[in-house]
Amino acid sequence: MKLRKILTHFFILMALTTNISFIVSPNPYELAFTISMNLFATILKMGEGKVLSNELMASSLAADLHLIPAGFLYFLGDVEEATGLAMGALAANIISVVLGIVETIIVSFIEEE
């Protein structure tokens, strides 16, 4: 097992689940936790030289660029708009999880050959 890969996939899943948690019950603590999980996932994706690394990074950046403005809007009092942006980040996080699964399958086929 590779610790970096485990941590990367852990933070990808945490980003997804905390994002869902914020959408279900929006509060500032969950939003801050969601933003931090997404940023950790983005940092861990940097430097990856895997098959779908560009796509994984793009989906992570898309989620970050939804959640960071959502944080500003939430603290300015526009909770509805912040939740809407978090839903956009949720779509990017779902794509990131799917890409991670596809990449794992591709790498396992390459390693078998």
PDB file of N, CA and C in Angstrom:
ATOM      1  N   MET A   1       0.842  -1.186   0.000  1.00  0.00           N
ATOM      2  CA  MET A   1       0.000   0.000   0.000  1.00  0.00           C
ATOM      3  C   MET A   1       0.884   1.246   0.000  1.00  0.00           C
ATOM      4  N   LYS A   2       0.402   2.261  -0.677  1.00  0.00           N
ATOM      5  CA  LYS A   2       1.139   3.508  -0.756  1.00  0.00           C
ATOM      6  C   LYS A   2       0.421   4.562   0.084  1.00  0.00           C
ATOM      7  N   LEU A   3       1.134   5.080   1.085  1.00  0.00           N
ATOM      8  CA  LEU A   3       0.532   6.011   2.032  1.00  0.00           C
ATOM      9  C   LEU A   3       0.023   7.279   1.340  1.00  0.00           C
ATOM     10  N   ARG A   4       0.794   7.815   0.394  1.00  0.00           N
ATOM     11  CA  ARG A   4       0.367   9.041  -0.292  1.00  0.00           C
ATOM     12  C   ARG A   4      -0.936   8.818  -1.059  1.00  0.00           C
ATOM     13  N   LYS A   5      -1.050   7.669  -1.713  1.00  0.00           N
ATOM     14  CA  LYS A   5      -2.272   7.366  -2.465  1.00  0.00           C
ATOM     15  C   LYS A   5      -3.463   7.207  -1.508  1.00  0.00           C
ATOM     16  N   ILE A   6      -3.232   6.570  -0.392  1.00  0.00           N
ATOM     17  CA  ILE A   6      -4.295   6.408   0.605  1.00  0.00           C
ATOM     18  C   ILE A   6      -4.742   7.773   1.121  1.00  0.00           C
ATOM     19  N   LEU A   7      -3.781   8.631   1.466  1.00  0.00           N
ATOM     20  CA  LEU A   7      -4.126   9.965   1.968  1.00  0.00           C
ATOM     21  C   LEU A   7      -4.849  10.791   0.907  1.00  0.00           C
ATOM     22  N   THR A   8      -4.388  10.707  -0.333  1.00  0.00           N
ATOM     23  CA  THR A   8      -5.030  11.461  -1.406  1.00  0.00           C
ATOM     24  C   THR A   8      -6.481  11.033  -1.573  1.00  0.00           C
ATOM     25  N   HIS A   9      -6.713   9.731  -1.648  1.00  0.00           N
ATOM     26  CA  HIS A   9      -8.088   9.258  -1.822  1.00  0.00           C
ATOM     27  C   HIS A   9      -8.934   9.523  -0.576  1.00  0.00           C
ATOM     28  N   PHE A  10      -8.316   9.471   0.602  1.00  0.00           N
ATOM     29  CA  PHE A  10      -9.041   9.799   1.826  1.00  0.00           C
ATOM     30  C   PHE A  10      -9.551  11.240   1.786  1.00  0.00           C
ATOM     31  N   PHE A  11      -8.670  12.178   1.418  1.00  0.00           N
ATOM     32  CA  PHE A  11      -9.090  13.578   1.384  1.00  0.00           C
ATOM     33  C   PHE A  11     -10.062  13.864   0.245  1.00  0.00           C
ATOM     34  N   ILE A  12      -9.959  13.131  -0.855  1.00  0.00           N
ATOM     35  CA  ILE A  12     -10.950  13.274  -1.928  1.00  0.00           C
ATOM     36  C   ILE A  12     -12.325  12.870  -1.418  1.00  0.00           C
ATOM     37  N   LEU A  13     -12.384  11.743  -0.706  1.00  0.00           N
ATOM     38  CA  LEU A  13     -13.677  11.296  -0.150  1.00  0.00           C
ATOM     39  C   LEU A  13     -14.169  12.220   0.959  1.00  0.00           C
ATOM     40  N   MET A  14     -13.250  12.718   1.787  1.00  0.00           N
ATOM     41  CA  MET A  14     -13.650  13.664   2.831  1.00  0.00           C
ATOM     42  C   MET A  14     -14.190  14.950   2.223  1.00  0.00           C
ATOM     43  N   ALA A  15     -13.575  15.404   1.126  1.00  0.00           N
ATOM     44  CA  ALA A  15     -14.066  16.603   0.450  1.00  0.00           C
ATOM     45  C   ALA A  15     -15.492  16.387  -0.044  1.00  0.00           C
ATOM     46  N   LEU A  16     -15.746  15.224  -0.601  1.00  0.00           N
ATOM     47  CA  LEU A  16     -17.094  14.915  -1.088  1.00  0.00           C
ATOM     48  C   LEU A  16     -18.101  14.838   0.053  1.00  0.00           C
ATOM     49  N   THR A  17     -17.762  14.115   1.097  1.00  0.00           N
ATOM     50  CA  THR A  17     -18.738  13.915   2.171  1.00  0.00           C
ATOM     51  C   THR A  17     -18.983  15.180   2.990  1.00  0.00           C
ATOM     52  N   THR A  18     -17.943  15.978   3.209  1.00  0.00           N
ATOM     53  CA  THR A  18     -18.173  17.220   3.951  1.00  0.00           C
ATOM     54  C   THR A  18     -18.950  18.225   3.105  1.00  0.00           C
ATOM     55  N   ASN A  19     -18.762  18.160   1.803  1.00  0.00           N
ATOM     56  CA  ASN A  19     -19.526  19.021   0.909  1.00  0.00           C
ATOM     57  C   ASN A  19     -21.013  18.677   0.987  1.00  0.00           C
ATOM     58  N   ILE A  20     -21.326  17.389   0.957  1.00  0.00           N
ATOM     59  CA  ILE A  20     -22.719  16.957   1.101  1.00  0.00           C
ATOM     60  C   ILE A  20     -23.266  17.397   2.456  1.00  0.00           C
ATOM     61  N   SER A  21     -22.458  17.251   3.489  1.00  0.00           N
ATOM     62  CA  SER A  21     -22.880  17.643   4.835  1.00  0.00           C
ATOM     63  C   SER A  21     -23.221  19.128   4.911  1.00  0.00           C
ATOM     64  N   PHE A  22     -22.412  19.970   4.260  1.00  0.00           N
ATOM     65  CA  PHE A  22     -22.707  21.400   4.271  1.00  0.00           C
ATOM     66  C   PHE A  22     -23.999  21.709   3.522  1.00  0.00           C
ATOM     67  N   ILE A  23     -24.224  21.038   2.405  1.00  0.00           N
ATOM     68  CA  ILE A  23     -25.445  21.296   1.630  1.00  0.00           C
ATOM     69  C   ILE A  23     -26.685  20.898   2.421  1.00  0.00           C
ATOM     70  N   VAL A  24     -26.594  19.787   3.155  1.00  0.00           N
ATOM     71  CA  VAL A  24     -27.746  19.316   3.932  1.00  0.00           C
ATOM     72  C   VAL A  24     -28.039  20.250   5.097  1.00  0.00           C
ATOM     73  N   SER A  25     -27.015  20.667   5.813  1.00  0.00           N
ATOM     74  CA  SER A  25     -27.228  21.579   6.948  1.00  0.00           C
ATOM     75  C   SER A  25     -26.149  22.652   6.942  1.00  0.00           C
ATOM     76  N   PRO A  26     -26.398  23.742   6.226  1.00  0.00           N
ATOM     77  CA  PRO A  26     -25.367  24.775   6.092  1.00  0.00           C
ATOM     78  C   PRO A  26     -25.082  25.496   7.409  1.00  0.00           C
ATOM     79  N   ASN A  27     -23.846  25.375   7.851  1.00  0.00           N
ATOM     80  CA  ASN A  27     -23.375  26.163   8.981  1.00  0.00           C
ATOM     81  C   ASN A  27     -21.908  26.508   8.731  1.00  0.00           C
ATOM     82  N   PRO A  28     -21.406  27.534   9.369  1.00  0.00           N
ATOM     83  CA  PRO A  28     -20.057  28.021   9.045  1.00  0.00           C
ATOM     84  C   PRO A  28     -18.946  27.026   9.342  1.00  0.00           C
ATOM     85  N   TYR A  29     -19.124  26.190  10.359  1.00  0.00           N
ATOM     86  CA  TYR A  29     -18.089  25.223  10.699  1.00  0.00           C
ATOM     87  C   TYR A  29     -17.958  24.156   9.622  1.00  0.00           C
ATOM     88  N   GLU A  30     -19.082  23.682   9.132  1.00  0.00           N
ATOM     89  CA  GLU A  30     -19.038  22.684   8.061  1.00  0.00           C
ATOM     90  C   GLU A  30     -18.466  23.271   6.780  1.00  0.00           C
ATOM     91  N   LEU A  31     -18.788  24.520   6.490  1.00  0.00           N
ATOM     92  CA  LEU A  31     -18.245  25.150   5.293  1.00  0.00           C
ATOM     93  C   LEU A  31     -16.730  25.307   5.408  1.00  0.00           C
ATOM     94  N   ALA A  32     -16.244  25.745   6.555  1.00  0.00           N
ATOM     95  CA  ALA A  32     -14.798  25.888   6.758  1.00  0.00           C
ATOM     96  C   ALA A  32     -14.106  24.529   6.655  1.00  0.00           C
ATOM     97  N   PHE A  33     -14.713  23.507   7.219  1.00  0.00           N
ATOM     98  CA  PHE A  33     -14.150  22.160   7.149  1.00  0.00           C
ATOM     99  C   PHE A  33     -14.152  21.644   5.712  1.00  0.00           C
ATOM    100  N   THR A  34     -15.221  21.931   4.974  1.00  0.00           N
ATOM    101  CA  THR A  34     -15.316  21.517   3.576  1.00  0.00           C
ATOM    102  C   THR A  34     -14.236  22.194   2.741  1.00  0.00           C
ATOM    103  N   ILE A  35     -14.055  23.486   2.936  1.00  0.00           N
ATOM    104  CA  ILE A  35     -13.017  24.209   2.191  1.00  0.00           C
ATOM    105  C   ILE A  35     -11.645  23.634   2.506  1.00  0.00           C
ATOM    106  N   SER A  36     -11.364  23.376   3.772  1.00  0.00           N
ATOM    107  CA  SER A  36     -10.046  22.850   4.136  1.00  0.00           C
ATOM    108  C   SER A  36      -9.825  21.445   3.570  1.00  0.00           C
ATOM    109  N   MET A  37     -10.840  20.594   3.576  1.00  0.00           N
ATOM    110  CA  MET A  37     -10.696  19.247   3.009  1.00  0.00           C
ATOM    111  C   MET A  37     -10.423  19.320   1.511  1.00  0.00           C
ATOM    112  N   ASN A  38     -11.106  20.232   0.812  1.00  0.00           N
ATOM    113  CA  ASN A  38     -10.873  20.393  -0.625  1.00  0.00           C
ATOM    114  C   ASN A  38      -9.473  20.915  -0.895  1.00  0.00           C
ATOM    115  N   LEU A  39      -8.999  21.847  -0.082  1.00  0.00           N
ATOM    116  CA  LEU A  39      -7.651  22.376  -0.284  1.00  0.00           C
ATOM    117  C   LEU A  39      -6.589  21.308  -0.010  1.00  0.00           C
ATOM    118  N   PHE A  40      -6.796  20.490   1.029  1.00  0.00           N
ATOM    119  CA  PHE A  40      -5.867  19.392   1.292  1.00  0.00           C
ATOM    120  C   PHE A  40      -5.848  18.412   0.118  1.00  0.00           C
ATOM    121  N   ALA A  41      -7.020  18.094  -0.414  1.00  0.00           N
ATOM    122  CA  ALA A  41      -7.097  17.175  -1.560  1.00  0.00           C
ATOM    123  C   ALA A  41      -6.366  17.762  -2.764  1.00  0.00           C
ATOM    124  N   THR A  42      -6.523  19.059  -2.985  1.00  0.00           N
ATOM    125  CA  THR A  42      -5.837  19.711  -4.102  1.00  0.00           C
ATOM    126  C   THR A  42      -4.325  19.655  -3.922  1.00  0.00           C
ATOM    127  N   ILE A  43      -3.847  19.942  -2.729  1.00  0.00           N
ATOM    128  CA  ILE A  43      -2.413  19.917  -2.459  1.00  0.00           C
ATOM    129  C   ILE A  43      -1.846  18.515  -2.672  1.00  0.00           C
ATOM    130  N   LEU A  44      -2.577  17.498  -2.217  1.00  0.00           N
ATOM    131  CA  LEU A  44      -2.087  16.128  -2.372  1.00  0.00           C
ATOM    132  C   LEU A  44      -2.101  15.669  -3.832  1.00  0.00           C
ATOM    133  N   LYS A  45      -2.964  16.257  -4.649  1.00  0.00           N
ATOM    134  CA  LYS A  45      -3.011  15.889  -6.069  1.00  0.00           C
ATOM    135  C   LYS A  45      -1.867  16.509  -6.858  1.00  0.00           C
ATOM    136  N   MET A  46      -1.233  17.542  -6.314  1.00  0.00           N
ATOM    137  CA  MET A  46      -0.114  18.183  -7.017  1.00  0.00           C
ATOM    138  C   MET A  46       1.073  17.230  -7.085  1.00  0.00           C
ATOM    139  N   GLY A  47       1.694  17.186  -8.233  1.00  0.00           N
ATOM    140  CA  GLY A  47       2.869  16.353  -8.401  1.00  0.00           C
ATOM    141  C   GLY A  47       2.575  14.907  -8.742  1.00  0.00           C
ATOM    142  N   GLU A  48       1.317  14.557  -8.833  1.00  0.00           N
ATOM    143  CA  GLU A  48       0.963  13.196  -9.219  1.00  0.00           C
ATOM    144  C   GLU A  48       1.215  13.027 -10.708  1.00  0.00           C
ATOM    145  N   GLY A  49       1.898  11.987 -11.090  1.00  0.00           N
ATOM    146  CA  GLY A  49       2.183  11.748 -12.499  1.00  0.00           C
ATOM    147  C   GLY A  49       1.413  10.554 -13.022  1.00  0.00           C
ATOM    148  N   LYS A  50       0.182  10.431 -12.628  1.00  0.00           N
ATOM    149  CA  LYS A  50      -0.625   9.283 -13.017  1.00  0.00           C
ATOM    150  C   LYS A  50      -1.340   9.539 -14.335  1.00  0.00           C
ATOM    151  N   VAL A  51      -2.143   8.574 -14.732  1.00  0.00           N
ATOM    152  CA  VAL A  51      -2.821   8.603 -16.020  1.00  0.00           C
ATOM    153  C   VAL A  51      -3.792   9.778 -16.120  1.00  0.00           C
ATOM    154  N   LEU A  52      -4.623   9.980 -15.118  1.00  0.00           N
ATOM    155  CA  LEU A  52      -5.655  11.021 -15.154  1.00  0.00           C
ATOM    156  C   LEU A  52      -5.344  12.174 -14.200  1.00  0.00           C
ATOM    157  N   SER A  53      -4.078  12.438 -13.957  1.00  0.00           N
ATOM    158  CA  SER A  53      -3.728  13.458 -12.963  1.00  0.00           C
ATOM    159  C   SER A  53      -4.189  14.855 -13.366  1.00  0.00           C
ATOM    160  N   ASN A  54      -4.137  15.176 -14.656  1.00  0.00           N
ATOM    161  CA  ASN A  54      -4.594  16.501 -15.089  1.00  0.00           C
ATOM    162  C   ASN A  54      -6.091  16.680 -14.839  1.00  0.00           C
ATOM    163  N   GLU A  55      -6.854  15.660 -15.139  1.00  0.00           N
ATOM    164  CA  GLU A  55      -8.298  15.732 -14.933  1.00  0.00           C
ATOM    165  C   GLU A  55      -8.649  15.790 -13.450  1.00  0.00           C
ATOM    166  N   LEU A  56      -7.921  15.035 -12.630  1.00  0.00           N
ATOM    167  CA  LEU A  56      -8.141  15.085 -11.186  1.00  0.00           C
ATOM    168  C   LEU A  56      -7.841  16.468 -10.628  1.00  0.00           C
ATOM    169  N   MET A  57      -6.751  17.071 -11.100  1.00  0.00           N
ATOM    170  CA  MET A  57      -6.390  18.408 -10.630  1.00  0.00           C
ATOM    171  C   MET A  57      -7.421  19.433 -11.083  1.00  0.00           C
ATOM    172  N   ALA A  58      -7.893  19.310 -12.317  1.00  0.00           N
ATOM    173  CA  ALA A  58      -8.891  20.252 -12.819  1.00  0.00           C
ATOM    174  C   ALA A  58     -10.188  20.162 -12.017  1.00  0.00           C
ATOM    175  N   SER A  59     -10.626  18.953 -11.689  1.00  0.00           N
ATOM    176  CA  SER A  59     -11.859  18.818 -10.913  1.00  0.00           C
ATOM    177  C   SER A  59     -11.680  19.372  -9.503  1.00  0.00           C
ATOM    178  N   SER A  60     -10.500  19.184  -8.939  1.00  0.00           N
ATOM    179  CA  SER A  60     -10.232  19.708  -7.608  1.00  0.00           C
ATOM    180  C   SER A  60     -10.192  21.231  -7.600  1.00  0.00           C
ATOM    181  N   LEU A  61      -9.563  21.811  -8.609  1.00  0.00           N
ATOM    182  CA  LEU A  61      -9.528  23.271  -8.703  1.00  0.00           C
ATOM    183  C   LEU A  61     -10.919  23.852  -8.926  1.00  0.00           C
ATOM    184  N   ALA A  62     -11.739  23.155  -9.699  1.00  0.00           N
ATOM    185  CA  ALA A  62     -13.115  23.620  -9.911  1.00  0.00           C
ATOM    186  C   ALA A  62     -13.881  23.631  -8.589  1.00  0.00           C
ATOM    187  N   ALA A  63     -13.706  22.583  -7.794  1.00  0.00           N
ATOM    188  CA  ALA A  63     -14.375  22.541  -6.488  1.00  0.00           C
ATOM    189  C   ALA A  63     -13.866  23.667  -5.585  1.00  0.00           C
ATOM    190  N   ASP A  64     -12.550  23.878  -5.572  1.00  0.00           N
ATOM    191  CA  ASP A  64     -11.984  24.956  -4.754  1.00  0.00           C
ATOM    192  C   ASP A  64     -12.516  26.322  -5.182  1.00  0.00           C
ATOM    193  N   LEU A  65     -12.610  26.520  -6.499  1.00  0.00           N
ATOM    194  CA  LEU A  65     -13.073  27.814  -7.003  1.00  0.00           C
ATOM    195  C   LEU A  65     -14.580  28.004  -6.875  1.00  0.00           C
ATOM    196  N   HIS A  66     -15.282  26.990  -6.423  1.00  0.00           N
ATOM    197  CA  HIS A  66     -16.680  27.150  -6.024  1.00  0.00           C
ATOM    198  C   HIS A  66     -16.780  27.405  -4.514  1.00  0.00           C
ATOM    199  N   LEU A  67     -15.970  26.672  -3.752  1.00  0.00           N
ATOM    200  CA  LEU A  67     -16.110  26.731  -2.293  1.00  0.00           C
ATOM    201  C   LEU A  67     -15.507  27.988  -1.669  1.00  0.00           C
ATOM    202  N   ILE A  68     -14.419  28.477  -2.214  1.00  0.00           N
ATOM    203  CA  ILE A  68     -13.807  29.683  -1.631  1.00  0.00           C
ATOM    204  C   ILE A  68     -14.749  30.880  -1.758  1.00  0.00           C
ATOM    205  N   PRO A  69     -15.338  31.147  -2.945  1.00  0.00           N
ATOM    206  CA  PRO A  69     -16.336  32.229  -3.001  1.00  0.00           C
ATOM    207  C   PRO A  69     -17.568  31.929  -2.146  1.00  0.00           C
ATOM    208  N   ALA A  70     -17.924  30.638  -2.035  1.00  0.00           N
ATOM    209  CA  ALA A  70     -19.055  30.278  -1.182  1.00  0.00           C
ATOM    210  C   ALA A  70     -18.784  30.685   0.260  1.00  0.00           C
ATOM    211  N   GLY A  71     -17.538  30.525   0.694  1.00  0.00           N
ATOM    212  CA  GLY A  71     -17.172  30.940   2.048  1.00  0.00           C
ATOM    213  C   GLY A  71     -17.347  32.432   2.255  1.00  0.00           C
ATOM    214  N   PHE A  72     -16.897  33.224   1.285  1.00  0.00           N
ATOM    215  CA  PHE A  72     -17.072  34.679   1.393  1.00  0.00           C
ATOM    216  C   PHE A  72     -18.548  35.061   1.391  1.00  0.00           C
ATOM    217  N   LEU A  73     -19.314  34.455   0.487  1.00  0.00           N
ATOM    218  CA  LEU A  73     -20.737  34.785   0.413  1.00  0.00           C
ATOM    219  C   LEU A  73     -21.481  34.374   1.682  1.00  0.00           C
ATOM    220  N   TYR A  74     -21.110  33.213   2.244  1.00  0.00           N
ATOM    221  CA  TYR A  74     -21.772  32.754   3.462  1.00  0.00           C
ATOM    222  C   TYR A  74     -21.549  33.750   4.595  1.00  0.00           C
ATOM    223  N   PHE A  75     -20.331  34.213   4.746  1.00  0.00           N
ATOM    224  CA  PHE A  75     -20.036  35.131   5.844  1.00  0.00           C
ATOM    225  C   PHE A  75     -20.517  36.544   5.574  1.00  0.00           C
ATOM    226  N   LEU A  76     -20.891  36.833   4.323  1.00  0.00           N
ATOM    227  CA  LEU A  76     -21.538  38.107   4.012  1.00  0.00           C
ATOM    228  C   LEU A  76     -23.055  38.021   4.197  1.00  0.00           C
ATOM    229  N   GLY A  77     -23.555  36.830   4.499  1.00  0.00           N
ATOM    230  CA  GLY A  77     -24.968  36.668   4.808  1.00  0.00           C
ATOM    231  C   GLY A  77     -25.801  36.018   3.723  1.00  0.00           C
ATOM    232  N   ASP A  78     -25.217  35.661   2.577  1.00  0.00           N
ATOM    233  CA  ASP A  78     -25.978  35.051   1.490  1.00  0.00           C
ATOM    234  C   ASP A  78     -25.799  33.532   1.526  1.00  0.00           C
ATOM    235  N   VAL A  79     -26.511  32.891   2.451  1.00  0.00           N
ATOM    236  CA  VAL A  79     -26.385  31.451   2.654  1.00  0.00           C
ATOM    237  C   VAL A  79     -26.914  30.681   1.449  1.00  0.00           C
ATOM    238  N   GLU A  80     -27.981  31.159   0.845  1.00  0.00           N
ATOM    239  CA  GLU A  80     -28.576  30.463  -0.296  1.00  0.00           C
ATOM    240  C   GLU A  80     -27.606  30.399  -1.479  1.00  0.00           C
ATOM    241  N   GLU A  81     -26.953  31.505  -1.778  1.00  0.00           N
ATOM    242  CA  GLU A  81     -25.983  31.523  -2.879  1.00  0.00           C
ATOM    243  C   GLU A  81     -24.763  30.671  -2.543  1.00  0.00           C
ATOM    244  N   ALA A  82     -24.325  30.690  -1.292  1.00  0.00           N
ATOM    245  CA  ALA A  82     -23.194  29.857  -0.867  1.00  0.00           C
ATOM    246  C   ALA A  82     -23.528  28.378  -1.026  1.00  0.00           C
ATOM    247  N   THR A  83     -24.754  28.003  -0.685  1.00  0.00           N
ATOM    248  CA  THR A  83     -25.180  26.616  -0.849  1.00  0.00           C
ATOM    249  C   THR A  83     -25.234  26.235  -2.322  1.00  0.00           C
ATOM    250  N   GLY A  84     -25.656  27.156  -3.162  1.00  0.00           N
ATOM    251  CA  GLY A  84     -25.673  26.906  -4.603  1.00  0.00           C
ATOM    252  C   GLY A  84     -24.278  26.670  -5.153  1.00  0.00           C
ATOM    253  N   LEU A  85     -23.321  27.476  -4.716  1.00  0.00           N
ATOM    254  CA  LEU A  85     -21.938  27.266  -5.138  1.00  0.00           C
ATOM    255  C   LEU A  85     -21.398  25.939  -4.608  1.00  0.00           C
ATOM    256  N   ALA A  86     -21.797  25.572  -3.406  1.00  0.00           N
ATOM    257  CA  ALA A  86     -21.367  24.286  -2.847  1.00  0.00           C
ATOM    258  C   ALA A  86     -21.928  23.123  -3.653  1.00  0.00           C
ATOM    259  N   MET A  87     -23.108  23.311  -4.242  1.00  0.00           N
ATOM    260  CA  MET A  87     -23.656  22.259  -5.109  1.00  0.00           C
ATOM    261  C   MET A  87     -22.820  22.106  -6.378  1.00  0.00           C
ATOM    262  N   GLY A  88     -22.311  23.203  -6.893  1.00  0.00           N
ATOM    263  CA  GLY A  88     -21.387  23.123  -8.021  1.00  0.00           C
ATOM    264  C   GLY A  88     -20.109  22.393  -7.645  1.00  0.00           C
ATOM    265  N   ALA A  89     -19.605  22.683  -6.451  1.00  0.00           N
ATOM    266  CA  ALA A  89     -18.416  21.982  -5.964  1.00  0.00           C
ATOM    267  C   ALA A  89     -18.706  20.500  -5.759  1.00  0.00           C
ATOM    268  N   LEU A  90     -19.931  20.179  -5.361  1.00  0.00           N
ATOM    269  CA  LEU A  90     -20.319  18.783  -5.189  1.00  0.00           C
ATOM    270  C   LEU A  90     -20.221  18.028  -6.511  1.00  0.00           C
ATOM    271  N   ALA A  91     -20.666  18.653  -7.593  1.00  0.00           N
ATOM    272  CA  ALA A  91     -20.554  18.021  -8.915  1.00  0.00           C
ATOM    273  C   ALA A  91     -19.086  17.755  -9.250  1.00  0.00           C
ATOM    274  N   ALA A  92     -18.219  18.723  -8.989  1.00  0.00           N
ATOM    275  CA  ALA A  92     -16.789  18.543  -9.258  1.00  0.00           C
ATOM    276  C   ALA A  92     -16.194  17.452  -8.367  1.00  0.00           C
ATOM    277  N   ASN A  93     -16.642  17.377  -7.120  1.00  0.00           N
ATOM    278  CA  ASN A  93     -16.139  16.334  -6.220  1.00  0.00           C
ATOM    279  C   ASN A  93     -16.592  14.946  -6.652  1.00  0.00           C
ATOM    280  N   ILE A  94     -17.807  14.836  -7.141  1.00  0.00           N
ATOM    281  CA  ILE A  94     -18.284  13.540  -7.636  1.00  0.00           C
ATOM    282  C   ILE A  94     -17.449  13.106  -8.839  1.00  0.00           C
ATOM    283  N   ILE A  95     -17.181  14.048  -9.737  1.00  0.00           N
ATOM    284  CA  ILE A  95     -16.337  13.741 -10.896  1.00  0.00           C
ATOM    285  C   ILE A  95     -14.942  13.317 -10.431  1.00  0.00           C
ATOM    286  N   SER A  96     -14.420  13.970  -9.415  1.00  0.00           N
ATOM    287  CA  SER A  96     -13.101  13.633  -8.887  1.00  0.00           C
ATOM    288  C   SER A  96     -13.070  12.209  -8.335  1.00  0.00           C
ATOM    289  N   VAL A  97     -14.105  11.815  -7.623  1.00  0.00           N
ATOM    290  CA  VAL A  97     -14.171  10.455  -7.082  1.00  0.00           C
ATOM    291  C   VAL A  97     -14.267   9.436  -8.218  1.00  0.00           C
ATOM    292  N   VAL A  98     -15.095   9.716  -9.212  1.00  0.00           N
ATOM    293  CA  VAL A  98     -15.228   8.806 -10.345  1.00  0.00           C
ATOM    294  C   VAL A  98     -13.894   8.680 -11.086  1.00  0.00           C
ATOM    295  N   LEU A  99     -13.213   9.806 -11.307  1.00  0.00           N
ATOM    296  CA  LEU A  99     -11.905   9.765 -11.971  1.00  0.00           C
ATOM    297  C   LEU A  99     -10.885   8.981 -11.148  1.00  0.00           C
ATOM    298  N   GLY A 100     -10.937   9.113  -9.839  1.00  0.00           N
ATOM    299  CA  GLY A 100     -10.035   8.345  -8.981  1.00  0.00           C
ATOM    300  C   GLY A 100     -10.268   6.857  -9.105  1.00  0.00           C
ATOM    301  N   ILE A 101     -11.527   6.458  -9.185  1.00  0.00           N
ATOM    302  CA  ILE A 101     -11.856   5.035  -9.356  1.00  0.00           C
ATOM    303  C   ILE A 101     -11.382   4.541 -10.716  1.00  0.00           C
ATOM    304  N   VAL A 102     -11.647   5.330 -11.760  1.00  0.00           N
ATOM    305  CA  VAL A 102     -11.214   4.950 -13.107  1.00  0.00           C
ATOM    306  C   VAL A 102      -9.697   4.838 -13.167  1.00  0.00           C
ATOM    307  N   GLU A 103      -9.000   5.790 -12.565  1.00  0.00           N
ATOM    308  CA  GLU A 103      -7.541   5.758 -12.560  1.00  0.00           C
ATOM    309  C   GLU A 103      -7.016   4.526 -11.840  1.00  0.00           C
ATOM    310  N   THR A 104      -7.620   4.166 -10.726  1.00  0.00           N
ATOM    311  CA  THR A 104      -7.197   2.978  -9.990  1.00  0.00           C
ATOM    312  C   THR A 104      -7.374   1.727 -10.836  1.00  0.00           C
ATOM    313  N   ILE A 105      -8.465   1.640 -11.571  1.00  0.00           N
ATOM    314  CA  ILE A 105      -8.704   0.488 -12.443  1.00  0.00           C
ATOM    315  C   ILE A 105      -7.674   0.450 -13.569  1.00  0.00           C
ATOM    316  N   ILE A 106      -7.407   1.599 -14.181  1.00  0.00           N
ATOM    317  CA  ILE A 106      -6.423   1.663 -15.266  1.00  0.00           C
ATOM    318  C   ILE A 106      -5.044   1.258 -14.770  1.00  0.00           C
ATOM    319  N   VAL A 107      -4.632   1.790 -13.626  1.00  0.00           N
ATOM    320  CA  VAL A 107      -3.310   1.470 -13.082  1.00  0.00           C
ATOM    321  C   VAL A 107      -3.212  -0.007 -12.735  1.00  0.00           C
ATOM    322  N   SER A 108      -4.288  -0.600 -12.211  1.00  0.00           N
ATOM    323  CA  SER A 108      -4.247  -2.026 -11.867  1.00  0.00           C
ATOM    324  C   SER A 108      -4.117  -2.876 -13.130  1.00  0.00           C
ATOM    325  N   PHE A 109      -4.745  -2.469 -14.230  1.00  0.00           N
ATOM    326  CA  PHE A 109      -4.586  -3.202 -15.482  1.00  0.00           C
ATOM    327  C   PHE A 109      -3.171  -3.045 -16.028  1.00  0.00           C
ATOM    328  N   ILE A 110      -2.594  -1.864 -15.913  1.00  0.00           N
ATOM    329  CA  ILE A 110      -1.236  -1.635 -16.402  1.00  0.00           C
ATOM    330  C   ILE A 110      -0.227  -2.453 -15.575  1.00  0.00           C
ATOM    331  N   GLU A 111      -0.435  -2.519 -14.270  1.00  0.00           N
ATOM    332  CA  GLU A 111       0.482  -3.268 -13.400  1.00  0.00           C
ATOM    333  C   GLU A 111       0.395  -4.759 -13.645  1.00  0.00           C
ATOM    334  N   GLU A 112      -0.761  -5.272 -14.061  1.00  0.00           N
ATOM    335  CA  GLU A 112      -0.915  -6.703 -14.317  1.00  0.00           C
ATOM    336  C   GLU A 112      -0.170  -7.131 -15.565  1.00  0.00           C
ATOM    337  N   GLU A 113      -0.014  -6.229 -16.524  1.00  0.00           N
ATOM    338  CA  GLU A 113       0.641  -6.591 -17.792  1.00  0.00           C
ATOM    339  C   GLU A 113       2.104  -6.658 -17.662  1.00  0.00           C
TER     340      GLU A 113
END
